[in-house]
C-alpha atoms as a PDB file:
ATOM      1  CA  MET A   1      74.990  13.066   8.627  1.00  0.00           C
ATOM      2  CA  ASN A   2      77.145  10.326  10.135  1.00  0.00           C
ATOM      3  CA  LYS A   3      76.558   6.682   9.307  1.00  0.00           C
ATOM      4  CA  LYS A   4      75.302   5.809  12.791  1.00  0.00           C
ATOM      5  CA  LEU A   5      72.617   8.528  12.714  1.00  0.00           C
ATOM      6  CA  ALA A   6      71.568   7.556   9.199  1.00  0.00           C
ATOM      7  CA  SER A   7      71.293   3.961  10.314  1.00  0.00           C
ATOM      8  CA  LEU A   8      69.153   4.909  13.319  1.00  0.00           C
ATOM      9  CA  LEU A   9      66.841   7.040  11.162  1.00  0.00           C
ATOM     10  CA  ALA A  10      66.490   4.251   8.629  1.00  0.00           C
ATOM     11  CA  ALA A  11      65.707   1.758  11.360  1.00  0.00           C
ATOM     12  CA  GLY A  12      63.136   4.133  12.826  1.00  0.00           C
ATOM     13  CA  ALA A  13      61.464   4.595   9.454  1.00  0.00           C
ATOM     14  CA  PHE A  14      61.374   0.837   8.953  1.00  0.00           C
ATOM     15  CA  SER A  15      59.859   0.296  12.404  1.00  0.00           C
ATOM     16  CA  LEU A  16      57.199   2.934  11.731  1.00  0.00           C
ATOM     17  CA  ALA A  17      56.325   1.329   8.410  1.00  0.00           C
ATOM     18  CA  ALA A  18      56.145  -2.069  10.079  1.00  0.00           C
ATOM     19  CA  PHE A  19      53.907  -0.627  12.800  1.00  0.00           C
ATOM     20  CA  HIS A  20      51.461   0.767  10.245  1.00  0.00           C
ATOM     21  CA  ALA A  21      51.456  -2.522   8.349  1.00  0.00           C
ATOM     22  CA  ASN A  22      50.776  -4.438  11.559  1.00  0.00           C
ATOM     23  CA  ALA A  23      48.137  -1.931  12.608  1.00  0.00           C
ATOM     24  CA  ALA A  24      45.835  -3.033   9.764  1.00  0.00           C
ATOM     25  CA  ASP A  25      42.980  -5.169  11.098  1.00  0.00           C
ATOM     26  CA  LYS A  26      43.056  -8.654   9.638  1.00  0.00           C
ATOM     27  CA  VAL A  27      39.798  -9.989   8.169  1.00  0.00           C
ATOM     28  CA  THR A  28      39.414 -13.423   6.595  1.00  0.00           C
ATOM     29  CA  LEU A  29      36.510 -13.843   4.175  1.00  0.00           C
ATOM     30  CA  GLN A  30      35.444 -17.335   3.097  1.00  0.00           C
ATOM     31  CA  LEU A  31      33.662 -17.401  -0.257  1.00  0.00           C
ATOM     32  CA  LYS A  32      30.872 -19.826  -1.115  1.00  0.00           C
ATOM     33  CA  TRP A  33      32.510 -20.930  -4.358  1.00  0.00           C
ATOM     34  CA  VAL A  34      35.622 -20.556  -6.493  1.00  0.00           C
ATOM     35  CA  THR A  35      37.054 -17.225  -7.621  1.00  0.00           C
ATOM     36  CA  GLN A  36      34.574 -15.805 -10.137  1.00  0.00           C
ATOM     37  CA  ALA A  37      32.507 -12.687 -10.821  1.00  0.00           C
ATOM     38  CA  GLN A  38      29.895 -13.876  -8.319  1.00  0.00           C
ATOM     39  CA  PHE A  39      32.276 -12.378  -5.733  1.00  0.00           C
ATOM     40  CA  ALA A  40      33.569  -9.456  -7.786  1.00  0.00           C
ATOM     41  CA  GLY A  41      32.699  -6.805  -5.186  1.00  0.00           C
ATOM     42  CA  TYR A  42      35.197  -8.205  -2.692  1.00  0.00           C
ATOM     43  CA  TYR A  43      38.013  -8.550  -5.202  1.00  0.00           C
ATOM     44  CA  VAL A  44      37.327  -5.036  -6.492  1.00  0.00           C
ATOM     45  CA  ALA A  45      37.365  -3.627  -2.943  1.00  0.00           C
ATOM     46  CA  LYS A  46      40.753  -5.247  -2.368  1.00  0.00           C
ATOM     47  CA  ASP A  47      42.195  -4.257  -5.751  1.00  0.00           C
ATOM     48  CA  LYS A  48      41.003  -0.652  -5.590  1.00  0.00           C
ATOM     49  CA  GLY A  49      42.307  -0.136  -2.065  1.00  0.00           C
ATOM     50  CA  PHE A  50      38.875   0.275  -0.460  1.00  0.00           C
ATOM     51  CA  TYR A  51      39.842  -2.135   2.322  1.00  0.00           C
ATOM     52  CA  ASP A  52      43.179  -0.364   2.755  1.00  0.00           C
ATOM     53  CA  GLU A  53      41.341   2.936   3.193  1.00  0.00           C
ATOM     54  CA  GLU A  54      39.463   1.370   6.104  1.00  0.00           C
ATOM     55  CA  GLY A  55      42.660   0.044   7.665  1.00  0.00           C
ATOM     56  CA  LEU A  56      41.827  -3.559   6.833  1.00  0.00           C
ATOM     57  CA  ASP A  57      44.033  -6.388   5.642  1.00  0.00           C
ATOM     58  CA  VAL A  58      41.525  -8.713   3.963  1.00  0.00           C
ATOM     59  CA  GLU A  59      42.282 -12.275   2.949  1.00  0.00           C
ATOM     60  CA  ILE A  60      39.778 -13.699   0.469  1.00  0.00           C
ATOM     61  CA  LYS A  61      39.619 -17.491   0.593  1.00  0.00           C
ATOM     62  CA  PRO A  62      38.025 -19.161  -2.464  1.00  0.00           C
ATOM     63  CA  GLY A  63      35.539 -21.935  -1.917  1.00  0.00           C
ATOM     64  CA  GLY A  64      35.042 -25.171  -3.807  1.00  0.00           C
ATOM     65  CA  PRO A  65      33.013 -28.389  -3.958  1.00  0.00           C
ATOM     66  CA  ASP A  66      34.533 -29.694  -0.718  1.00  0.00           C
ATOM     67  CA  ILE A  67      34.352 -26.428   1.231  1.00  0.00           C
ATOM     68  CA  ALA A  68      31.293 -25.588   3.353  1.00  0.00           C
ATOM     69  CA  PRO A  69      31.585 -21.976   4.593  1.00  0.00           C
ATOM     70  CA  PRO A  70      29.541 -22.613   7.792  1.00  0.00           C
ATOM     71  CA  GLN A  71      31.976 -25.373   8.754  1.00  0.00           C
ATOM     72  CA  VAL A  72      34.940 -23.107   8.026  1.00  0.00           C
ATOM     73  CA  ILE A  73      33.686 -20.284  10.255  1.00  0.00           C
ATOM     74  CA  ALA A  74      32.587 -22.691  12.994  1.00  0.00           C
ATOM     75  CA  GLY A  75      36.124 -24.079  13.011  1.00  0.00           C
ATOM     76  CA  GLY A  76      37.694 -20.626  13.281  1.00  0.00           C
ATOM     77  CA  GLY A  77      38.940 -20.516   9.697  1.00  0.00           C
ATOM     78  CA  ALA A  78      37.164 -17.276   8.780  1.00  0.00           C
ATOM     79  CA  ASP A  79      35.759 -14.115  10.362  1.00  0.00           C
ATOM     80  CA  VAL A  80      32.953 -13.721   7.853  1.00  0.00           C
ATOM     81  CA  ILE A  81      31.489 -15.954   5.142  1.00  0.00           C
ATOM     82  CA  VAL A  82      29.386 -15.655   2.016  1.00  0.00           C
ATOM     83  CA  ASP A  83      26.420 -18.020   2.166  1.00  0.00           C
ATOM     84  CA  TRP A  84      22.850 -18.420   0.983  1.00  0.00           C
ATOM     85  CA  MET A  85      20.239 -17.711   3.619  1.00  0.00           C
ATOM     86  CA  PRO A  86      18.535 -21.150   3.464  1.00  0.00           C
ATOM     87  CA  SER A  87      21.875 -22.777   4.277  1.00  0.00           C
ATOM     88  CA  ALA A  88      22.657 -20.205   6.977  1.00  0.00           C
ATOM     89  CA  LEU A  89      19.270 -20.572   8.706  1.00  0.00           C
ATOM     90  CA  ALA A  90      19.358 -24.367   8.537  1.00  0.00           C
ATOM     91  CA  THR A  91      22.895 -24.269   9.950  1.00  0.00           C
ATOM     92  CA  ARG A  92      21.763 -21.912  12.722  1.00  0.00           C
ATOM     93  CA  GLU A  93      18.972 -24.286  13.707  1.00  0.00           C
ATOM     94  CA  LYS A  94      21.536 -27.099  13.901  1.00  0.00           C
ATOM     95  CA  GLY A  95      23.593 -25.151  16.428  1.00  0.00           C
ATOM     96  CA  VAL A  96      26.024 -22.923  14.525  1.00  0.00           C
ATOM     97  CA  PRO A  97      24.698 -19.415  15.350  1.00  0.00           C
ATOM     98  CA  LEU A  98      25.232 -17.578  12.061  1.00  0.00           C
ATOM     99  CA  VAL A  99      23.975 -13.989  11.827  1.00  0.00           C
ATOM    100  CA  ASN A 100      23.394 -12.052   8.609  1.00  0.00           C
ATOM    101  CA  ILE A 101      25.194  -8.682   8.892  1.00  0.00           C
ATOM    102  CA  ALA A 102      24.732  -7.526   5.269  1.00  0.00           C
ATOM    103  CA  GLN A 103      22.926  -8.570   2.100  1.00  0.00           C
ATOM    104  CA  PRO A 104      24.711  -7.419  -1.093  1.00  0.00           C
ATOM    105  CA  PHE A 105      22.478  -9.593  -3.323  1.00  0.00           C
ATOM    106  CA  LYS A 106      18.916  -8.288  -3.681  1.00  0.00           C
ATOM    107  CA  HIS A 107      17.687 -10.832  -6.238  1.00  0.00           C
ATOM    108  CA  SER A 108      17.979 -14.583  -6.782  1.00  0.00           C
ATOM    109  CA  GLY A 109      19.802 -16.070  -9.756  1.00  0.00           C
ATOM    110  CA  MET A 110      18.687 -19.650  -9.163  1.00  0.00           C
ATOM    111  CA  MET A 111      16.595 -21.592 -11.648  1.00  0.00           C
ATOM    112  CA  LEU A 112      15.832 -25.015 -13.079  1.00  0.00           C
ATOM    113  CA  THR A 113      16.785 -25.397 -16.720  1.00  0.00           C
ATOM    114  CA  CYS A 114      14.959 -28.134 -18.637  1.00  0.00           C
ATOM    115  CA  LEU A 115      15.206 -29.701 -22.059  1.00  0.00           C
ATOM    116  CA  LYS A 116      12.040 -28.859 -23.973  1.00  0.00           C
ATOM    117  CA  GLU A 117      12.050 -32.354 -25.496  1.00  0.00           C
ATOM    118  CA  SER A 118      11.576 -33.824 -22.002  1.00  0.00           C
ATOM    119  CA  GLY A 119       7.991 -32.572 -22.054  1.00  0.00           C
ATOM    120  CA  VAL A 120       8.360 -30.164 -19.138  1.00  0.00           C
ATOM    121  CA  LYS A 121       6.317 -27.035 -19.772  1.00  0.00           C
ATOM    122  CA  THR A 122       5.058 -26.199 -16.276  1.00  0.00           C
ATOM    123  CA  PRO A 123       6.088 -27.197 -12.740  1.00  0.00           C
ATOM    124  CA  GLU A 124       3.250 -29.747 -12.769  1.00  0.00           C
ATOM    125  CA  ASP A 125       5.217 -31.595 -15.471  1.00  0.00           C
ATOM    126  CA  PHE A 126       8.082 -32.274 -13.039  1.00  0.00           C
ATOM    127  CA  LYS A 127       6.186 -35.330 -11.807  1.00  0.00           C
ATOM    128  CA  GLY A 128       7.815 -38.565 -12.907  1.00  0.00           C
ATOM    129  CA  LYS A 129      10.962 -36.761 -14.048  1.00  0.00           C
ATOM    130  CA  THR A 130      14.554 -36.791 -12.857  1.00  0.00           C
ATOM    131  CA  LEU A 131      15.784 -33.387 -11.691  1.00  0.00           C
ATOM    132  CA  GLY A 132      19.378 -32.403 -11.009  1.00  0.00           C
ATOM    133  CA  VAL A 133      19.837 -30.758  -7.602  1.00  0.00           C
ATOM    134  CA  TRP A 134      22.916 -29.283  -5.922  1.00  0.00           C
ATOM    135  CA  PHE A 135      23.538 -30.285  -2.323  1.00  0.00           C
ATOM    136  CA  PHE A 136      25.961 -28.968   0.345  1.00  0.00           C
ATOM    137  CA  GLY A 137      23.283 -26.525   1.534  1.00  0.00           C
ATOM    138  CA  ASN A 138      22.115 -25.551  -1.944  1.00  0.00           C
ATOM    139  CA  GLU A 139      19.282 -28.088  -1.947  1.00  0.00           C
ATOM    140  CA  TYR A 140      17.104 -26.199   0.535  1.00  0.00           C
ATOM    141  CA  PRO A 141      15.364 -23.810  -1.906  1.00  0.00           C
ATOM    142  CA  PHE A 142      14.560 -26.761  -4.202  1.00  0.00           C
ATOM    143  CA  LEU A 143      13.167 -28.909  -1.385  1.00  0.00           C
ATOM    144  CA  SER A 144      11.072 -26.004  -0.165  1.00  0.00           C
ATOM    145  CA  TRP A 145       9.661 -25.450  -3.665  1.00  0.00           C
ATOM    146  CA  MET A 146       8.767 -29.125  -4.124  1.00  0.00           C
ATOM    147  CA  SER A 147       7.057 -29.128  -0.713  1.00  0.00           C
ATOM    148  CA  GLN A 148       4.949 -26.155  -1.727  1.00  0.00           C
ATOM    149  CA  LEU A 149       4.046 -27.925  -4.976  1.00  0.00           C
ATOM    150  CA  LYS A 150       3.240 -31.052  -2.899  1.00  0.00           C
ATOM    151  CA  ILE A 151       5.533 -33.097  -5.131  1.00  0.00           C
ATOM    152  CA  PRO A 152       7.423 -35.868  -3.270  1.00  0.00           C
ATOM    153  CA  THR A 153      11.170 -36.041  -3.840  1.00  0.00           C
ATOM    154  CA  ASP A 154      11.544 -39.802  -3.426  1.00  0.00           C
ATOM    155  CA  GLY A 155      10.651 -40.825  -6.968  1.00  0.00           C
ATOM    156  CA  GLY A 156       7.564 -42.502  -8.353  1.00  0.00           C
ATOM    157  CA  PRO A 157       5.108 -41.366 -11.044  1.00  0.00           C
ATOM    158  CA  ASN A 158       3.715 -38.570  -8.873  1.00  0.00           C
ATOM    159  CA  GLY A 159       7.060 -37.472  -7.489  1.00  0.00           C
ATOM    160  CA  VAL A 160      10.473 -36.477  -8.753  1.00  0.00           C
ATOM    161  CA  THR A 161      13.694 -38.445  -8.695  1.00  0.00           C
ATOM    162  CA  VAL A 162      16.459 -36.255  -7.337  1.00  0.00           C
ATOM    163  CA  LEU A 163      19.820 -36.610  -9.049  1.00  0.00           C
ATOM    164  CA  LYS A 164      22.615 -35.345  -6.824  1.00  0.00           C
ATOM    165  CA  GLN A 165      24.104 -32.940  -9.320  1.00  0.00           C
ATOM    166  CA  GLY A 166      27.776 -32.090  -9.439  1.00  0.00           C
ATOM    167  CA  PHE A 167      28.750 -28.498 -10.076  1.00  0.00           C
ATOM    168  CA  ASN A 168      28.460 -28.943 -13.836  1.00  0.00           C
ATOM    169  CA  VAL A 169      25.762 -29.315 -16.489  1.00  0.00           C
ATOM    170  CA  ASP A 170      26.595 -32.862 -17.634  1.00  0.00           C
ATOM    171  CA  PRO A 171      23.268 -34.454 -16.538  1.00  0.00           C
ATOM    172  CA  LEU A 172      21.354 -32.230 -18.973  1.00  0.00           C
ATOM    173  CA  ILE A 173      23.853 -32.526 -21.823  1.00  0.00           C
ATOM    174  CA  GLN A 174      23.920 -36.310 -21.433  1.00  0.00           C
ATOM    175  CA  LYS A 175      20.128 -36.401 -20.932  1.00  0.00           C
ATOM    176  CA  GLN A 176      20.380 -38.083 -17.530  1.00  0.00           C
ATOM    177  CA  ALA A 177      17.930 -35.511 -16.172  1.00  0.00           C
ATOM    178  CA  ALA A 178      15.012 -33.582 -17.619  1.00  0.00           C
ATOM    179  CA  CYS A 179      16.041 -30.476 -15.682  1.00  0.00           C
ATOM    180  CA  ILE A 180      19.102 -29.342 -13.760  1.00  0.00           C
ATOM    181  CA  SER A 181      19.943 -26.603 -11.300  1.00  0.00           C
ATOM    182  CA  THR A 182      21.535 -23.558 -12.901  1.00  0.00           C
ATOM    183  CA  MET A 183      22.321 -19.966 -12.020  1.00  0.00           C
ATOM    184  CA  THR A 184      21.379 -17.154 -14.400  1.00  0.00           C
ATOM    185  CA  TYR A 185      24.995 -16.007 -14.354  1.00  0.00           C
ATOM    186  CA  ASN A 186      26.831 -19.295 -14.706  1.00  0.00           C
ATOM    187  CA  GLU A 187      25.559 -22.803 -15.514  1.00  0.00           C
ATOM    188  CA  TYR A 188      22.790 -21.643 -17.858  1.00  0.00           C
ATOM    189  CA  TRP A 189      25.475 -20.205 -20.118  1.00  0.00           C
ATOM    190  CA  GLN A 190      27.491 -23.401 -19.867  1.00  0.00           C
ATOM    191  CA  VAL A 191      24.485 -25.194 -21.338  1.00  0.00           C
ATOM    192  CA  ILE A 192      24.323 -22.639 -24.159  1.00  0.00           C
ATOM    193  CA  ASP A 193      28.076 -22.897 -24.762  1.00  0.00           C
ATOM    194  CA  ALA A 194      27.679 -26.692 -25.000  1.00  0.00           C
ATOM    195  CA  GLY A 195      25.612 -26.130 -28.145  1.00  0.00           C
ATOM    196  CA  ILE A 196      22.021 -26.284 -26.891  1.00  0.00           C
ATOM    197  CA  LYS A 197      19.943 -23.406 -28.246  1.00  0.00           C
ATOM    198  CA  PRO A 198      17.842 -21.221 -25.911  1.00  0.00           C
ATOM    199  CA  GLU A 199      14.702 -22.159 -27.832  1.00  0.00           C
ATOM    200  CA  ASP A 200      15.320 -25.814 -26.968  1.00  0.00           C
ATOM    201  CA  LEU A 201      15.213 -25.025 -23.252  1.00  0.00           C
ATOM    202  CA  VAL A 202      12.533 -24.209 -20.686  1.00  0.00           C
ATOM    203  CA  THR A 203      13.645 -22.294 -17.609  1.00  0.00           C
ATOM    204  CA  PHE A 204      11.950 -21.742 -14.259  1.00  0.00           C
ATOM    205  CA  LYS A 205      13.423 -18.913 -12.217  1.00  0.00           C
ATOM    206  CA  TYR A 206      12.789 -19.412  -8.516  1.00  0.00           C
ATOM    207  CA  GLU A 207      12.028 -15.695  -8.227  1.00  0.00           C
ATOM    208  CA  ASP A 208       9.295 -15.959 -10.884  1.00  0.00           C
ATOM    209  CA  GLN A 209       7.799 -18.946  -9.055  1.00  0.00           C
ATOM    210  CA  GLY A 210       7.489 -16.963  -5.832  1.00  0.00           C
ATOM    211  CA  VAL A 211       9.884 -19.256  -3.981  1.00  0.00           C
ATOM    212  CA  ALA A 212      13.096 -17.258  -4.301  1.00  0.00           C
ATOM    213  CA  THR A 213      15.234 -17.174  -1.198  1.00  0.00           C
ATOM    214  CA  LEU A 214      18.070 -14.797  -0.404  1.00  0.00           C
ATOM    215  CA  GLU A 215      21.498 -15.652  -1.759  1.00  0.00           C
ATOM    216  CA  ASP A 216      25.054 -14.431  -1.120  1.00  0.00           C
ATOM    217  CA  GLY A 217      24.726 -12.646   2.192  1.00  0.00           C
ATOM    218  CA  LEU A 218      27.520 -11.950   4.679  1.00  0.00           C
ATOM    219  CA  TYR A 219      27.408 -13.971   7.912  1.00  0.00           C
ATOM    220  CA  VAL A 220      29.376 -13.988  11.160  1.00  0.00           C
ATOM    221  CA  LEU A 221      29.092 -15.959  14.404  1.00  0.00           C
ATOM    222  CA  GLU A 222      26.671 -14.412  16.889  1.00  0.00           C
ATOM    223  CA  ASP A 223      29.018 -14.341  19.884  1.00  0.00           C
ATOM    224  CA  LYS A 224      31.608 -12.375  17.893  1.00  0.00           C
ATOM    225  CA  LEU A 225      29.169  -9.457  17.703  1.00  0.00           C
ATOM    226  CA  LYS A 226      29.467  -9.017  21.466  1.00  0.00           C
ATOM    227  CA  ASP A 227      33.010  -7.710  20.874  1.00  0.00           C
ATOM    228  CA  PRO A 228      32.950  -3.951  20.034  1.00  0.00           C
ATOM    229  CA  ALA A 229      36.295  -4.206  18.224  1.00  0.00           C
ATOM    230  CA  PHE A 230      34.985  -7.004  15.993  1.00  0.00           C
ATOM    231  CA  LYS A 231      31.797  -5.067  15.259  1.00  0.00           C
ATOM    232  CA  GLU A 232      33.814  -2.003  14.251  1.00  0.00           C
ATOM    233  CA  LYS A 233      35.947  -4.177  11.997  1.00  0.00           C
ATOM    234  CA  MET A 234      32.818  -5.564  10.324  1.00  0.00           C
ATOM    235  CA  VAL A 235      31.414  -2.045   9.838  1.00  0.00           C
ATOM    236  CA  LYS A 236      34.584  -1.134   7.949  1.00  0.00           C
ATOM    237  CA  PHE A 237      34.523  -4.393   6.011  1.00  0.00           C
ATOM    238  CA  VAL A 238      30.900  -4.016   4.912  1.00  0.00           C
ATOM    239  CA  ARG A 239      31.372  -0.341   3.992  1.00  0.00           C
ATOM    240  CA  ALA A 240      34.384  -1.123   1.805  1.00  0.00           C
ATOM    241  CA  SER A 241      32.769  -4.240   0.325  1.00  0.00           C
ATOM    242  CA  MET A 242      29.631  -2.378  -0.746  1.00  0.00           C
ATOM    243  CA  LYS A 243      31.831   0.308  -2.299  1.00  0.00           C
ATOM    244  CA  GLY A 244      33.444  -2.532  -4.228  1.00  0.00           C
ATOM    245  CA  TRP A 245      30.069  -3.919  -5.298  1.00  0.00           C
ATOM    246  CA  LYS A 246      28.776  -0.590  -6.560  1.00  0.00           C
ATOM    247  CA  TYR A 247      32.025  -0.022  -8.473  1.00  0.00           C
ATOM    248  CA  ALA A 248      31.654  -3.502 -10.004  1.00  0.00           C
ATOM    249  CA  GLU A 249      28.071  -2.754 -11.059  1.00  0.00           C
ATOM    250  CA  GLU A 250      29.157   0.442 -12.796  1.00  0.00           C
ATOM    251  CA  ASN A 251      32.324  -1.034 -14.311  1.00  0.00           C
ATOM    252  CA  PRO A 252      31.454  -4.671 -15.079  1.00  0.00           C
ATOM    253  CA  ASP A 253      34.199  -5.370 -17.599  1.00  0.00           C
ATOM    254  CA  GLU A 254      36.919  -3.942 -15.369  1.00  0.00           C
ATOM    255  CA  ALA A 255      35.502  -5.897 -12.421  1.00  0.00           C
ATOM    256  CA  ALA A 256      35.628  -9.110 -14.455  1.00  0.00           C
ATOM    257  CA  GLU A 257      39.256  -8.432 -15.346  1.00  0.00           C
ATOM    258  CA  ILE A 258      40.101  -7.921 -11.651  1.00  0.00           C
ATOM    259  CA  VAL A 259      38.479 -11.281 -10.885  1.00  0.00           C
ATOM    260  CA  LEU A 260      40.543 -12.947 -13.603  1.00  0.00           C
ATOM    261  CA  GLU A 261      43.723 -11.461 -12.144  1.00  0.00           C
ATOM    262  CA  ASN A 262      42.857 -13.098  -8.825  1.00  0.00           C
ATOM    263  CA  ASP A 263      42.029 -16.509 -10.261  1.00  0.00           C
ATOM    264  CA  ALA A 264      45.069 -18.538  -9.257  1.00  0.00           C
ATOM    265  CA  THR A 265      43.751 -21.602 -11.097  1.00  0.00           C
ATOM    266  CA  GLY A 266      43.561 -19.895 -14.475  1.00  0.00           C
ATOM    267  CA  ALA A 267      40.352 -21.853 -15.085  1.00  0.00           C
ATOM    268  CA  GLN A 268      38.136 -18.872 -15.880  1.00  0.00           C
ATOM    269  CA  THR A 269      37.820 -17.230 -19.295  1.00  0.00           C
ATOM    270  CA  GLU A 270      37.407 -13.552 -20.046  1.00  0.00           C
ATOM    271  CA  LYS A 271      34.242 -14.150 -22.086  1.00  0.00           C
ATOM    272  CA  HIS A 272      32.549 -16.120 -19.326  1.00  0.00           C
ATOM    273  CA  GLN A 273      33.544 -13.761 -16.507  1.00  0.00           C
ATOM    274  CA  LYS A 274      32.435 -10.617 -18.351  1.00  0.00           C
ATOM    275  CA  ARG A 275      29.121 -12.250 -19.178  1.00  0.00           C
ATOM    276  CA  MET A 276      28.792 -13.439 -15.571  1.00  0.00           C
ATOM    277  CA  MET A 277      29.522  -9.984 -14.176  1.00  0.00           C
ATOM    278  CA  GLY A 278      26.814  -8.500 -16.379  1.00  0.00           C
ATOM    279  CA  GLU A 279      24.300 -10.948 -14.898  1.00  0.00           C
ATOM    280  CA  ILE A 280      25.576 -10.530 -11.336  1.00  0.00           C
ATOM    281  CA  ALA A 281      25.095  -6.753 -11.577  1.00  0.00           C
ATOM    282  CA  LYS A 282      21.367  -7.419 -12.079  1.00  0.00           C
ATOM    283  CA  LEU A 283      21.255  -9.333  -8.786  1.00  0.00           C
ATOM    284  CA  THR A 284      23.106  -6.750  -6.675  1.00  0.00           C
ATOM    285  CA  ALA A 285      21.240  -3.805  -8.227  1.00  0.00           C
ATOM    286  CA  GLY A 286      18.951  -2.153  -5.696  1.00  0.00           C
ATOM    287  CA  SER A 287      20.898  -3.273  -2.633  1.00  0.00           C
ATOM    288  CA  ASN A 288      22.864  -0.864  -0.454  1.00  0.00           C
ATOM    289  CA  GLY A 289      24.005  -3.793   1.682  1.00  0.00           C
ATOM    290  CA  ALA A 290      21.259  -3.591   4.318  1.00  0.00           C
ATOM    291  CA  LEU A 291      19.028  -6.658   4.597  1.00  0.00           C
ATOM    292  CA  ASP A 292      15.453  -5.919   3.504  1.00  0.00           C
ATOM    293  CA  GLU A 293      13.245  -7.349   6.254  1.00  0.00           C
ATOM    294  CA  ALA A 294      10.503  -8.181   3.752  1.00  0.00           C
ATOM    295  CA  ASP A 295      12.976 -10.275   1.734  1.00  0.00           C
ATOM    296  CA  TYR A 296      14.051 -12.005   4.936  1.00  0.00           C
ATOM    297  CA  LYS A 297      10.442 -12.793   5.915  1.00  0.00           C
ATOM    298  CA  ARG A 298       9.715 -14.142   2.426  1.00  0.00           C
ATOM    299  CA  THR A 299      12.738 -16.439   2.685  1.00  0.00           C
ATOM    300  CA  VAL A 300      11.721 -17.695   6.136  1.00  0.00           C
ATOM    301  CA  GLU A 301       8.120 -18.293   5.051  1.00  0.00           C
ATOM    302  CA  SER A 302       9.355 -20.269   2.050  1.00  0.00           C
ATOM    303  CA  LEU A 303      11.601 -22.429   4.222  1.00  0.00           C
ATOM    304  CA  LEU A 304       8.876 -23.039   6.816  1.00  0.00           C
ATOM    305  CA  SER A 305       6.220 -24.012   4.273  1.00  0.00           C
ATOM    306  CA  GLY A 306       7.573 -27.494   3.710  1.00  0.00           C
ATOM    307  CA  GLY A 307       4.615 -29.458   5.037  1.00  0.00           C
ATOM    308  CA  SER A 308       5.786 -32.373   7.176  1.00  0.00           C
ATOM    309  CA  ASP A 309       9.426 -31.830   6.201  1.00  0.00           C
ATOM    310  CA  PRO A 310      10.241 -28.085   6.220  1.00  0.00           C
ATOM    311  CA  VAL A 311      13.813 -26.829   5.801  1.00  0.00           C
ATOM    312  CA  ILE A 312      13.603 -25.142   9.211  1.00  0.00           C
ATOM    313  CA  SER A 313      11.165 -26.155  11.936  1.00  0.00           C
ATOM    314  CA  LYS A 314      10.537 -22.762  13.543  1.00  0.00           C
ATOM    315  CA  GLU A 315      10.955 -19.064  12.888  1.00  0.00           C
ATOM    316  CA  PRO A 316      14.544 -18.088  13.743  1.00  0.00           C
ATOM    317  CA  GLU A 317      15.374 -15.500  16.367  1.00  0.00           C
ATOM    318  CA  GLY A 318      18.409 -13.233  16.150  1.00  0.00           C
ATOM    319  CA  ALA A 319      19.398 -14.512  12.717  1.00  0.00           C
ATOM    320  CA  TRP A 320      20.103 -11.043  11.310  1.00  0.00           C
ATOM    321  CA  THR A 321      21.085  -7.578  12.449  1.00  0.00           C
ATOM    322  CA  HIS A 322      21.114  -4.071  11.016  1.00  0.00           C
ATOM    323  CA  GLU A 323      23.712  -2.915  13.555  1.00  0.00           C
ATOM    324  CA  ILE A 324      26.576  -3.243  11.101  1.00  0.00           C
ATOM    325  CA  THR A 325      24.944  -1.725   8.028  1.00  0.00           C
ATOM    326  CA  ASP A 326      23.374   1.104  10.063  1.00  0.00           C
ATOM    327  CA  GLU A 327      26.886   2.227  10.949  1.00  0.00           C
ATOM    328  CA  ALA A 328      28.453   1.378   7.588  1.00  0.00           C
ATOM    329  CA  LEU A 329      25.890   3.390   5.622  1.00  0.00           C
ATOM    330  CA  LYS A 330      26.158   6.585   7.684  1.00  0.00           C
END
């Protein structure tokens, strides 16, 4: 073979490889928080080649305290976001038309964790206390719960004083609050690791209180779903993502290690991520990715039952679709 022919063949092979690389559909996913096992299914899907098998090139963008996923997608910075439904529905009512296309999380991990010495034994004991609450869209389940309990959130002996809680457990450790917001898979264990014993704590899981709302769903902008090519891309994305989630459930330690490999900050520890993944698997268990309409209705009812100040003022229309999961689960 002469050099010219060899060169042409090599160039052709390179062009073909470049074509296949460019042919992969780009998808940008914006996470709700930093890289951790809460999002293991997506990292697993990328690491195991599940997205590649679908012809997708997926970029996973970590979140953080200054990143609001609805703002990111509204500004064109993502194709799909992970968000909690209370935040998504409140955002939709404010004019950003988010639509739930899949619901990997079946159960809620949110709870209030209280120091037993504060005298809190039941929700009725919240009155007169200071409670730590996350904001940036995470406050909606709490506000809905207090409304249902008819406990004002503006202080006073018959109300609660809301402490705008950072994404840490300092207010409880430093006894600035009787209770703080925690997740079963994360902050609760930070409290334990800080040296407070489980028997010195009282916890109230939102799910046990009948006020649990859906967490960690996948949302896109409504007008994007009018594009058949985008819909097909989301079908592939959801199919591969749920494959990643089920793999993570069955292989929690390996999933945690994949998350750690993707943590560019190096802030996470193996112990914490493996423990977190074990708890996360309990929340995704029972979900095939399709939104359960009963869970959706329960969430909406909770958000509407806020008395004079509900989280949303009316029942949403078009806030979710089964079109994507119906195709993805075939």
